[in-house]
């Protein structure tokens, strides 16, 4: 099966800044794929090259086996990081116009937009101007604009940015539903917990390069079960100084301890029992957040 997106040795510079530095990537069809990384890592620039908004200085972009550009644009929906809507335009009119740009007849575009507004509980706002909507409502409207016409590939740049928990769940459920119905989805985020819950595969970018990539199970297996959750009563400051401890994350009620390769978790348990009252001790596979911190750490790129 052809990939949804193929990237080969992409390079993009802006002045003296190399935003993307030799990225190669195959994104399978039919999955939710996460482009993750800190701000300034190159995620948005990569997305804009997939969309042919930016042309790479060198390298190749293919979408559904064809060069990125006009011949595939009607098969792709896009939610940009910058939320931009025609604020003085009525909601339904604006969405119907966007749908017609994708090739739908005016009546079909209007009906599809109306159906989506009903589904997202915006029916009473159809005739109102965009500027009258709350920020969360506007983000729903822009999401609808991205999915009109049932695109085969949906590209979402930081779709959860600025959303409250309720609307985050709305967007999450929509993404899962669209994916189950056949859409391939690529989304960028710096929220590791969200990526871990939604994505089958990810690529972690930093300073314009892919630091690691693959399925979540492949990535986690590379790092082993070197994380331990310790819940206890007492002073846990001793943990950081123990042999074999790489880092300690303090979450108030418990600590997550990342061990060095080859370190014995039982030695950590024995040391803890000697100093505090241990309530819970659990060996865990590393979270994507843990892996992100370990791989990027203090080497975060700056836009």
Foldseek 3Di string as FASTA:
>chain_A
DAFQKWWAQFWAADVPATQAGTDTDTHHFLFEEEAAEDPSQNPQVVVCCLQVVDPTPDTFMDGSRHGHDDVQNLQEFEADPDQDDPQADALLVRQLVLLVVSPDDSVVSSVQLCVQCVVVVNNVRRGPGNNVDDPLVSLSSSVSSRCRPNHQEYEYEASCPPPDPVSVVVVLVVVVVSSVVGHYYYYYDNPQVSCQVGGQKYFYGASNYTLDIDGPVVVLVVQPQQKKKWFFPDDPPCLVVDPQWDDWDDPPRIIITGGDPPDDVVVVVVVDVVGTGTPDMDGDGDGSVRVNCVRCPPVHDDD
